[in-house]
Amino acid sequence: MPQLNPDPWFAVLVFSWIIFLTVIPTKILNYTTPNEPTPMNGKKHKTESWDWPW
């Protein structure tokens, strides 16, 4: 049965993982967002506890 012969499929698996681990992460890491996030001010927000009505 040809499905049990790993010779051609193992090479495809290895080369596809090499592409996934080298090419694709570099393309993703080079992507920049069009709107850079602005830093928030250092003011703390006032938080209050809330009494439950029951």
PDB file of N, CA and C in Angstrom:
ATOM      1  N   MET A   1       0.848  -1.190   0.000  1.00  0.00           N
ATOM      2  CA  MET A   1       0.000   0.000   0.000  1.00  0.00           C
ATOM      3  C   MET A   1       0.889   1.247   0.000  1.00  0.00           C
ATOM      4  N   PRO A   2       0.661   2.173  -0.919  1.00  0.00           N
ATOM      5  CA  PRO A   2       1.542   3.345  -1.008  1.00  0.00           C
ATOM      6  C   PRO A   2       1.379   4.316   0.156  1.00  0.00           C
ATOM      7  N   GLN A   3       0.283   4.250   0.909  1.00  0.00           N
ATOM      8  CA  GLN A   3       0.095   5.171   2.019  1.00  0.00           C
ATOM      9  C   GLN A   3       1.081   4.900   3.148  1.00  0.00           C
ATOM     10  N   LEU A   4       1.607   3.685   3.223  1.00  0.00           N
ATOM     11  CA  LEU A   4       2.508   3.340   4.308  1.00  0.00           C
ATOM     12  C   LEU A   4       3.954   3.714   4.019  1.00  0.00           C
ATOM     13  N   ASN A   5       4.244   4.164   2.816  1.00  0.00           N
ATOM     14  CA  ASN A   5       5.598   4.562   2.464  1.00  0.00           C
ATOM     15  C   ASN A   5       5.802   6.015   2.898  1.00  0.00           C
ATOM     16  N   PRO A   6       6.636   6.278   3.916  1.00  0.00           N
ATOM     17  CA  PRO A   6       6.772   7.653   4.418  1.00  0.00           C
ATOM     18  C   PRO A   6       7.761   8.512   3.642  1.00  0.00           C
ATOM     19  N   ASP A   7       8.427   7.960   2.640  1.00  0.00           N
ATOM     20  CA  ASP A   7       9.487   8.706   1.972  1.00  0.00           C
ATOM     21  C   ASP A   7       9.019  10.016   1.348  1.00  0.00           C
ATOM     22  N   PRO A   8       8.032  10.058   0.489  1.00  0.00           N
ATOM     23  CA  PRO A   8       7.693  11.367  -0.103  1.00  0.00           C
ATOM     24  C   PRO A   8       6.958  12.279   0.885  1.00  0.00           C
ATOM     25  N   TRP A   9       6.152  11.718   1.756  1.00  0.00           N
ATOM     26  CA  TRP A   9       5.338  12.554   2.639  1.00  0.00           C
ATOM     27  C   TRP A   9       6.135  13.133   3.789  1.00  0.00           C
ATOM     28  N   PHE A  10       7.161  12.435   4.231  1.00  0.00           N
ATOM     29  CA  PHE A  10       7.994  12.970   5.298  1.00  0.00           C
ATOM     30  C   PHE A  10       8.760  14.200   4.830  1.00  0.00           C
ATOM     31  N   ALA A  11       9.232  14.181   3.602  1.00  0.00           N
ATOM     32  CA  ALA A  11       9.939  15.347   3.060  1.00  0.00           C
ATOM     33  C   ALA A  11       8.996  16.536   2.928  1.00  0.00           C
ATOM     34  N   VAL A  12       7.762  16.292   2.500  1.00  0.00           N
ATOM     35  CA  VAL A  12       6.773  17.367   2.400  1.00  0.00           C
ATOM     36  C   VAL A  12       6.487  17.939   3.783  1.00  0.00           C
ATOM     37  N   LEU A  13       6.370  17.062   4.785  1.00  0.00           N
ATOM     38  CA  LEU A  13       6.117  17.523   6.144  1.00  0.00           C
ATOM     39  C   LEU A  13       7.266  18.375   6.668  1.00  0.00           C
ATOM     40  N   VAL A  14       8.486  17.930   6.453  1.00  0.00           N
ATOM     41  CA  VAL A  14       9.651  18.672   6.947  1.00  0.00           C
ATOM     42  C   VAL A  14       9.774  20.019   6.257  1.00  0.00           C
ATOM     43  N   PHE A  15       9.632  20.055   4.949  1.00  0.00           N
ATOM     44  CA  PHE A  15       9.760  21.329   4.224  1.00  0.00           C
ATOM     45  C   PHE A  15       8.630  22.299   4.554  1.00  0.00           C
ATOM     46  N   SER A  16       7.431  21.782   4.750  1.00  0.00           N
ATOM     47  CA  SER A  16       6.336  22.686   5.110  1.00  0.00           C
ATOM     48  C   SER A  16       6.546  23.272   6.496  1.00  0.00           C
ATOM     49  N   TRP A  17       7.080  22.476   7.453  1.00  0.00           N
ATOM     50  CA  TRP A  17       7.352  23.025   8.778  1.00  0.00           C
ATOM     51  C   TRP A  17       8.512  24.007   8.755  1.00  0.00           C
ATOM     52  N   ILE A  18       9.475  23.793   7.901  1.00  0.00           N
ATOM     53  CA  ILE A  18      10.566  24.768   7.766  1.00  0.00           C
ATOM     54  C   ILE A  18      10.015  26.097   7.272  1.00  0.00           C
ATOM     55  N   ILE A  19       9.097  26.042   6.316  1.00  0.00           N
ATOM     56  CA  ILE A  19       8.482  27.264   5.811  1.00  0.00           C
ATOM     57  C   ILE A  19       7.639  27.927   6.905  1.00  0.00           C
ATOM     58  N   PHE A  20       6.862  27.116   7.622  1.00  0.00           N
ATOM     59  CA  PHE A  20       6.023  27.683   8.686  1.00  0.00           C
ATOM     60  C   PHE A  20       6.856  28.337   9.781  1.00  0.00           C
ATOM     61  N   LEU A  21       8.001  27.777  10.103  1.00  0.00           N
ATOM     62  CA  LEU A  21       8.793  28.287  11.223  1.00  0.00           C
ATOM     63  C   LEU A  21       9.785  29.370  10.832  1.00  0.00           C
ATOM     64  N   THR A  22      10.034  29.587   9.555  1.00  0.00           N
ATOM     65  CA  THR A  22      10.999  30.607   9.155  1.00  0.00           C
ATOM     66  C   THR A  22      10.358  31.767   8.398  1.00  0.00           C
ATOM     67  N   VAL A  23       9.572  31.483   7.405  1.00  0.00           N
ATOM     68  CA  VAL A  23       9.051  32.540   6.539  1.00  0.00           C
ATOM     69  C   VAL A  23       7.868  33.253   7.173  1.00  0.00           C
ATOM     70  N   ILE A  24       6.908  32.496   7.640  1.00  0.00           N
ATOM     71  CA  ILE A  24       5.658  33.100   8.120  1.00  0.00           C
ATOM     72  C   ILE A  24       5.862  33.950   9.380  1.00  0.00           C
ATOM     73  N   PRO A  25       6.633  33.509  10.406  1.00  0.00           N
ATOM     74  CA  PRO A  25       6.819  34.396  11.571  1.00  0.00           C
ATOM     75  C   PRO A  25       7.509  35.708  11.226  1.00  0.00           C
ATOM     76  N   THR A  26       8.447  35.692  10.276  1.00  0.00           N
ATOM     77  CA  THR A  26       9.100  36.951   9.925  1.00  0.00           C
ATOM     78  C   THR A  26       8.128  37.895   9.226  1.00  0.00           C
ATOM     79  N   LYS A  27       7.211  37.352   8.440  1.00  0.00           N
ATOM     80  CA  LYS A  27       6.221  38.210   7.798  1.00  0.00           C
ATOM     81  C   LYS A  27       5.250  38.791   8.823  1.00  0.00           C
ATOM     82  N   ILE A  28       4.886  37.987   9.814  1.00  0.00           N
ATOM     83  CA  ILE A  28       3.959  38.468  10.832  1.00  0.00           C
ATOM     84  C   ILE A  28       4.632  39.498  11.735  1.00  0.00           C
ATOM     85  N   LEU A  29       5.893  39.279  12.087  1.00  0.00           N
ATOM     86  CA  LEU A  29       6.584  40.212  12.974  1.00  0.00           C
ATOM     87  C   LEU A  29       6.901  41.534  12.280  1.00  0.00           C
ATOM     88  N   ASN A  30       6.990  41.550  10.970  1.00  0.00           N
ATOM     89  CA  ASN A  30       7.244  42.796  10.247  1.00  0.00           C
ATOM     90  C   ASN A  30       5.989  43.628  10.061  1.00  0.00           C
ATOM     91  N   TYR A  31       4.848  43.059  10.363  1.00  0.00           N
ATOM     92  CA  TYR A  31       3.589  43.780  10.211  1.00  0.00           C
ATOM     93  C   TYR A  31       3.474  44.844  11.280  1.00  0.00           C
ATOM     94  N   THR A  32       3.124  46.051  10.875  1.00  0.00           N
ATOM     95  CA  THR A  32       2.926  47.131  11.833  1.00  0.00           C
ATOM     96  C   THR A  32       1.477  47.586  11.763  1.00  0.00           C
ATOM     97  N   THR A  33       0.953  47.943  12.887  1.00  0.00           N
ATOM     98  CA  THR A  33      -0.425  48.413  12.917  1.00  0.00           C
ATOM     99  C   THR A  33      -0.489  49.843  12.403  1.00  0.00           C
ATOM    100  N   PRO A  34      -1.544  50.214  11.701  1.00  0.00           N
ATOM    101  CA  PRO A  34      -1.621  51.574  11.169  1.00  0.00           C
ATOM    102  C   PRO A  34      -1.806  52.618  12.263  1.00  0.00           C
ATOM    103  N   ASN A  35      -2.471  52.286  13.336  1.00  0.00           N
ATOM    104  CA  ASN A  35      -2.681  53.226  14.439  1.00  0.00           C
ATOM    105  C   ASN A  35      -1.945  52.708  15.665  1.00  0.00           C
ATOM    106  N   GLU A  36      -0.828  53.340  15.975  1.00  0.00           N
ATOM    107  CA  GLU A  36      -0.064  52.932  17.145  1.00  0.00           C
ATOM    108  C   GLU A  36      -0.839  53.319  18.405  1.00  0.00           C
ATOM    109  N   PRO A  37      -0.847  52.456  19.404  1.00  0.00           N
ATOM    110  CA  PRO A  37      -1.587  52.799  20.624  1.00  0.00           C
ATOM    111  C   PRO A  37      -0.922  53.954  21.371  1.00  0.00           C
ATOM    112  N   THR A  38      -1.732  54.839  21.904  1.00  0.00           N
ATOM    113  CA  THR A  38      -1.209  55.956  22.669  1.00  0.00           C
ATOM    114  C   THR A  38      -1.088  55.546  24.128  1.00  0.00           C
ATOM    115  N   PRO A  39      -0.038  55.980  24.809  1.00  0.00           N
ATOM    116  CA  PRO A  39       0.108  55.609  26.219  1.00  0.00           C
ATOM    117  C   PRO A  39      -0.949  56.325  27.067  1.00  0.00           C
ATOM    118  N   MET A  40      -1.434  55.601  28.060  1.00  0.00           N
ATOM    119  CA  MET A  40      -2.444  56.180  28.937  1.00  0.00           C
ATOM    120  C   MET A  40      -1.769  57.053  29.983  1.00  0.00           C
ATOM    121  N   ASN A  41      -2.524  58.012  30.506  1.00  0.00           N
ATOM    122  CA  ASN A  41      -1.972  58.872  31.543  1.00  0.00           C
ATOM    123  C   ASN A  41      -1.856  58.084  32.848  1.00  0.00           C
ATOM    124  N   GLY A  42      -1.060  58.587  33.764  1.00  0.00           N
ATOM    125  CA  GLY A  42      -0.782  57.869  34.998  1.00  0.00           C
ATOM    126  C   GLY A  42      -1.830  58.053  36.081  1.00  0.00           C
ATOM    127  N   LYS A  43      -2.940  58.713  35.754  1.00  0.00           N
ATOM    128  CA  LYS A  43      -3.960  58.964  36.767  1.00  0.00           C
ATOM    129  C   LYS A  43      -4.709  57.673  37.079  1.00  0.00           C
ATOM    130  N   LYS A  44      -4.866  57.388  38.379  1.00  0.00           N
ATOM    131  CA  LYS A  44      -5.599  56.201  38.799  1.00  0.00           C
ATOM    132  C   LYS A  44      -7.096  56.472  38.717  1.00  0.00           C
ATOM    133  N   HIS A  45      -7.833  55.465  38.334  1.00  0.00           N
ATOM    134  CA  HIS A  45      -9.278  55.590  38.298  1.00  0.00           C
ATOM    135  C   HIS A  45      -9.844  55.339  39.684  1.00  0.00           C
ATOM    136  N   LYS A  46     -10.866  56.095  40.025  1.00  0.00           N
ATOM    137  CA  LYS A  46     -11.472  55.945  41.338  1.00  0.00           C
ATOM    138  C   LYS A  46     -12.406  54.732  41.310  1.00  0.00           C
ATOM    139  N   THR A  47     -12.115  53.766  42.153  1.00  0.00           N
ATOM    140  CA  THR A  47     -12.959  52.589  42.231  1.00  0.00           C
ATOM    141  C   THR A  47     -13.639  52.562  43.594  1.00  0.00           C
ATOM    142  N   GLU A  48     -14.911  52.283  43.574  1.00  0.00           N
ATOM    143  CA  GLU A  48     -15.670  52.216  44.817  1.00  0.00           C
ATOM    144  C   GLU A  48     -16.343  50.855  44.892  1.00  0.00           C
ATOM    145  N   SER A  49     -16.488  50.371  46.132  1.00  0.00           N
ATOM    146  CA  SER A  49     -17.233  49.124  46.285  1.00  0.00           C
ATOM    147  C   SER A  49     -18.714  49.413  46.126  1.00  0.00           C
ATOM    148  N   TRP A  50     -19.454  48.422  45.704  1.00  0.00           N
ATOM    149  CA  TRP A  50     -20.861  48.609  45.459  1.00  0.00           C
ATOM    150  C   TRP A  50     -21.643  47.710  46.380  1.00  0.00           C
ATOM    151  N   ASP A  51     -22.579  48.293  47.116  1.00  0.00           N
ATOM    152  CA  ASP A  51     -23.407  47.512  48.044  1.00  0.00           C
ATOM    153  C   ASP A  51     -24.514  46.848  47.263  1.00  0.00           C
ATOM    154  N   TRP A  52     -24.601  45.528  47.404  1.00  0.00           N
ATOM    155  CA  TRP A  52     -25.644  44.794  46.730  1.00  0.00           C
ATOM    156  C   TRP A  52     -26.976  45.028  47.410  1.00  0.00           C
ATOM    157  N   PRO A  53     -28.081  45.141  46.668  1.00  0.00           N
ATOM    158  CA  PRO A  53     -29.350  45.499  47.293  1.00  0.00           C
ATOM    159  C   PRO A  53     -29.992  44.368  48.082  1.00  0.00           C
ATOM    160  N   TRP A  54     -29.491  43.170  48.062  1.00  0.00           N
ATOM    161  CA  TRP A  54     -30.116  42.129  48.843  1.00  0.00           C
ATOM    162  C   TRP A  54     -29.322  41.885  50.033  1.00  0.00           C
TER     163      TRP A  54
END
